[in-house]
């Protein structure tokens, strides 16, 4: 499955933190990104500074809308509106 959170989950797994306007961490999941004010990348392993990450996806759906990834693939995964 491709990412439906703009890569935020992947970056969080690598040490990034996502903060709201008050500096508090936003919750997990794509919906919480509506509260995102800044991404703190200071927790990333410094070895990533010289790494080019190349990502691949077998789909090209947009992130939102009726043809967006959540609308199209969510029901396959058991999600509902």
N, C-alpha and C. Protein backbone atom coordinates (compact mmCIF):
# COMPACT_ATOMS: atom_id res chain seq x y z
N UNK A 1 0.84 -1.20 0.00
CA UNK A 1 0.00 0.00 0.00
C UNK A 1 0.87 1.24 0.00
N UNK A 2 0.46 2.23 -0.72
CA UNK A 2 1.17 3.52 -0.72
C UNK A 2 0.77 4.31 0.51
N UNK A 3 1.51 5.35 0.79
CA UNK A 3 1.21 6.19 1.94
C UNK A 3 0.02 7.09 1.66
N UNK A 4 -0.81 7.32 2.64
CA UNK A 4 -1.93 8.26 2.50
C UNK A 4 -1.80 9.39 3.50
N UNK A 5 -0.63 9.56 4.07
CA UNK A 5 -0.40 10.65 5.03
C UNK A 5 0.73 11.57 4.57
N UNK A 6 1.02 11.55 3.29
CA UNK A 6 2.07 12.40 2.77
C UNK A 6 3.47 12.00 3.22
N UNK A 7 3.61 10.80 3.73
CA UNK A 7 4.91 10.34 4.21
C UNK A 7 5.18 10.63 5.67
N UNK A 8 4.20 11.22 6.37
CA UNK A 8 4.41 11.58 7.78
C UNK A 8 4.70 10.36 8.64
N UNK A 9 4.01 9.27 8.42
CA UNK A 9 4.24 8.07 9.22
C UNK A 9 5.64 7.53 9.02
N UNK A 10 6.10 7.55 7.79
CA UNK A 10 7.46 7.09 7.50
C UNK A 10 8.49 7.99 8.18
N UNK A 11 8.29 9.31 8.08
CA UNK A 11 9.22 10.22 8.73
C UNK A 11 9.20 10.07 10.25
N UNK A 12 8.01 9.85 10.82
CA UNK A 12 7.91 9.65 12.27
C UNK A 12 8.69 8.40 12.68
N UNK A 13 8.62 7.36 11.88
CA UNK A 13 9.36 6.13 12.19
C UNK A 13 10.87 6.37 12.14
N UNK A 14 11.29 7.36 11.38
CA UNK A 14 12.71 7.68 11.27
C UNK A 14 13.16 8.72 12.30
N UNK A 15 12.22 9.20 13.13
CA UNK A 15 12.60 10.12 14.20
C UNK A 15 12.04 11.52 14.12
N UNK A 16 11.29 11.86 13.07
CA UNK A 16 10.70 13.19 12.97
C UNK A 16 9.54 13.32 13.96
N UNK A 17 9.30 14.55 14.38
CA UNK A 17 8.15 14.84 15.25
C UNK A 17 7.30 15.89 14.56
N UNK A 18 5.98 15.76 14.68
CA UNK A 18 5.05 16.68 14.06
C UNK A 18 4.30 17.41 15.16
N UNK A 19 4.37 18.75 15.12
CA UNK A 19 3.89 19.57 16.22
C UNK A 19 2.79 20.52 15.77
N UNK A 20 1.87 20.82 16.71
CA UNK A 20 0.82 21.79 16.44
C UNK A 20 1.34 23.20 16.77
N UNK A 21 0.47 24.19 16.66
CA UNK A 21 0.89 25.58 16.85
C UNK A 21 1.40 25.87 18.26
N UNK A 22 0.99 25.07 19.25
CA UNK A 22 1.47 25.28 20.62
C UNK A 22 2.73 24.48 20.92
N UNK A 23 3.22 23.72 19.95
CA UNK A 23 4.42 22.92 20.14
C UNK A 23 4.16 21.53 20.65
N UNK A 24 2.89 21.16 20.78
CA UNK A 24 2.53 19.82 21.24
C UNK A 24 2.51 18.86 20.06
N UNK A 25 2.87 17.61 20.29
CA UNK A 25 2.82 16.63 19.19
C UNK A 25 1.39 16.43 18.69
N UNK A 26 1.23 16.35 17.38
CA UNK A 26 -0.09 16.01 16.83
C UNK A 26 -0.26 14.50 16.96
N UNK A 27 -1.47 14.05 16.97
CA UNK A 27 -1.75 12.63 17.10
C UNK A 27 -1.35 11.85 15.86
N UNK A 28 -1.42 10.53 15.95
CA UNK A 28 -1.09 9.71 14.79
C UNK A 28 -2.22 9.73 13.76
N UNK A 29 -1.90 9.39 12.54
CA UNK A 29 -2.90 9.28 11.49
C UNK A 29 -3.00 10.53 10.64
N UNK A 30 -3.50 10.34 9.45
CA UNK A 30 -3.60 11.43 8.50
C UNK A 30 -4.49 12.57 8.94
N UNK A 31 -5.60 12.28 9.63
CA UNK A 31 -6.52 13.34 10.05
C UNK A 31 -5.85 14.32 11.01
N UNK A 32 -4.94 13.83 11.84
CA UNK A 32 -4.26 14.70 12.81
C UNK A 32 -3.38 15.73 12.12
N UNK A 33 -3.01 15.47 10.87
CA UNK A 33 -2.14 16.40 10.16
C UNK A 33 -2.83 17.74 9.90
N UNK A 34 -4.15 17.80 10.06
CA UNK A 34 -4.86 19.07 9.93
C UNK A 34 -4.38 20.06 10.98
N UNK A 35 -3.86 19.56 12.10
CA UNK A 35 -3.36 20.42 13.18
C UNK A 35 -1.87 20.71 13.07
N UNK A 36 -1.21 20.19 12.06
CA UNK A 36 0.24 20.33 11.91
C UNK A 36 0.64 21.77 11.67
N UNK A 37 1.59 22.25 12.48
CA UNK A 37 2.15 23.59 12.28
C UNK A 37 3.62 23.51 11.85
N UNK A 38 4.33 22.51 12.36
CA UNK A 38 5.75 22.39 12.03
C UNK A 38 6.22 20.95 12.15
N UNK A 39 7.24 20.63 11.39
CA UNK A 39 7.87 19.31 11.48
C UNK A 39 9.25 19.51 12.09
N UNK A 40 9.51 18.81 13.18
CA UNK A 40 10.81 18.86 13.85
C UNK A 40 11.64 17.68 13.38
N UNK A 41 12.65 17.95 12.60
CA UNK A 41 13.49 16.90 12.03
C UNK A 41 14.78 16.69 12.80
N UNK A 42 14.92 17.35 13.95
CA UNK A 42 16.17 17.23 14.70
C UNK A 42 16.39 15.83 15.25
N UNK A 43 15.33 15.03 15.35
CA UNK A 43 15.47 13.67 15.85
C UNK A 43 15.90 12.65 14.81
N UNK A 44 16.00 13.08 13.56
CA UNK A 44 16.44 12.16 12.52
C UNK A 44 17.90 11.77 12.75
N UNK A 45 18.21 10.55 12.49
CA UNK A 45 19.59 10.07 12.61
C UNK A 45 20.46 10.89 11.66
N UNK A 46 21.56 11.46 12.14
CA UNK A 46 22.40 12.31 11.28
C UNK A 46 22.93 11.59 10.05
N UNK A 47 22.95 10.27 10.07
CA UNK A 47 23.42 9.54 8.89
C UNK A 47 22.49 9.75 7.70
N UNK A 48 21.23 10.15 7.96
CA UNK A 48 20.30 10.40 6.87
C UNK A 48 20.63 11.67 6.10
N UNK A 49 21.48 12.52 6.64
CA UNK A 49 21.82 13.78 5.97
C UNK A 49 22.46 13.54 4.60
N UNK A 50 23.12 12.42 4.44
CA UNK A 50 23.79 12.14 3.16
C UNK A 50 23.11 11.02 2.38
N UNK A 51 21.86 10.74 2.72
CA UNK A 51 21.13 9.65 2.07
C UNK A 51 20.01 10.22 1.21
N UNK A 52 19.91 9.74 -0.01
CA UNK A 52 18.77 10.05 -0.87
C UNK A 52 17.81 8.88 -0.78
N UNK A 53 16.61 9.13 -0.25
CA UNK A 53 15.59 8.09 -0.18
C UNK A 53 14.79 8.11 -1.47
N UNK A 54 14.67 6.98 -2.10
CA UNK A 54 13.88 6.85 -3.32
C UNK A 54 12.71 5.93 -2.98
N UNK A 55 11.51 6.45 -3.15
CA UNK A 55 10.30 5.71 -2.80
C UNK A 55 9.56 5.33 -4.07
N UNK A 56 8.89 4.22 -4.02
CA UNK A 56 8.11 3.76 -5.17
C UNK A 56 6.68 3.46 -4.72
N UNK A 57 5.76 3.67 -5.62
CA UNK A 57 4.35 3.38 -5.36
C UNK A 57 3.74 2.81 -6.62
N UNK A 58 2.83 1.86 -6.44
CA UNK A 58 2.19 1.27 -7.61
C UNK A 58 0.84 1.92 -7.91
N UNK A 59 0.53 3.02 -7.24
CA UNK A 59 -0.71 3.75 -7.50
C UNK A 59 -0.39 5.24 -7.65
N UNK A 60 -1.30 5.97 -8.27
CA UNK A 60 -1.09 7.41 -8.39
C UNK A 60 -2.34 8.21 -8.02
N UNK A 61 -3.14 7.66 -7.12
CA UNK A 61 -4.32 8.37 -6.65
C UNK A 61 -3.92 9.64 -5.90
N UNK A 62 -4.76 10.69 -5.98
CA UNK A 62 -4.50 11.86 -5.14
C UNK A 62 -4.75 11.50 -3.67
N UNK A 63 -4.34 12.37 -2.76
CA UNK A 63 -4.54 12.09 -1.34
C UNK A 63 -5.97 12.37 -0.88
N UNK A 64 -6.70 13.24 -1.59
CA UNK A 64 -8.05 13.61 -1.16
C UNK A 64 -9.03 13.51 -2.33
N UNK A 65 -10.30 13.64 -2.00
CA UNK A 65 -11.35 13.65 -3.01
C UNK A 65 -11.94 12.28 -3.26
N UNK A 66 -12.95 12.23 -4.14
CA UNK A 66 -13.65 10.97 -4.39
C UNK A 66 -12.79 9.90 -5.03
N UNK A 67 -11.72 10.29 -5.71
CA UNK A 67 -10.79 9.32 -6.30
C UNK A 67 -9.50 9.23 -5.48
N UNK A 68 -9.51 9.84 -4.31
CA UNK A 68 -8.34 9.83 -3.43
C UNK A 68 -8.09 8.46 -2.84
N UNK A 69 -6.87 8.25 -2.41
CA UNK A 69 -6.47 6.95 -1.87
C UNK A 69 -7.37 6.47 -0.73
N UNK A 70 -7.72 7.32 0.25
CA UNK A 70 -8.58 6.81 1.32
C UNK A 70 -9.96 6.37 0.82
N UNK A 71 -10.54 7.14 -0.11
CA UNK A 71 -11.87 6.79 -0.62
C UNK A 71 -11.84 5.51 -1.44
N UNK A 72 -10.80 5.34 -2.21
CA UNK A 72 -10.70 4.18 -3.10
C UNK A 72 -10.25 2.93 -2.35
N UNK A 73 -9.21 3.06 -1.54
CA UNK A 73 -8.61 1.88 -0.92
C UNK A 73 -9.05 1.64 0.52
N UNK A 74 -9.62 2.65 1.17
CA UNK A 74 -10.07 2.49 2.55
C UNK A 74 -11.04 1.34 2.74
N UNK A 75 -12.09 1.25 1.91
CA UNK A 75 -13.03 0.14 2.08
C UNK A 75 -12.38 -1.24 1.94
N UNK A 76 -11.34 -1.34 1.11
CA UNK A 76 -10.62 -2.62 0.99
C UNK A 76 -9.94 -3.01 2.29
N UNK A 77 -9.60 -2.00 3.09
CA UNK A 77 -8.89 -2.23 4.35
C UNK A 77 -9.83 -2.25 5.55
N UNK A 78 -11.15 -2.13 5.29
CA UNK A 78 -12.12 -2.16 6.38
C UNK A 78 -12.46 -0.80 6.95
N UNK A 79 -11.98 0.28 6.33
CA UNK A 79 -12.28 1.63 6.81
C UNK A 79 -13.63 2.09 6.28
N UNK A 80 -14.25 2.97 7.01
CA UNK A 80 -15.51 3.56 6.57
C UNK A 80 -15.48 5.04 6.90
N UNK A 81 -16.32 5.83 6.21
CA UNK A 81 -16.32 7.29 6.45
C UNK A 81 -16.64 7.64 7.89
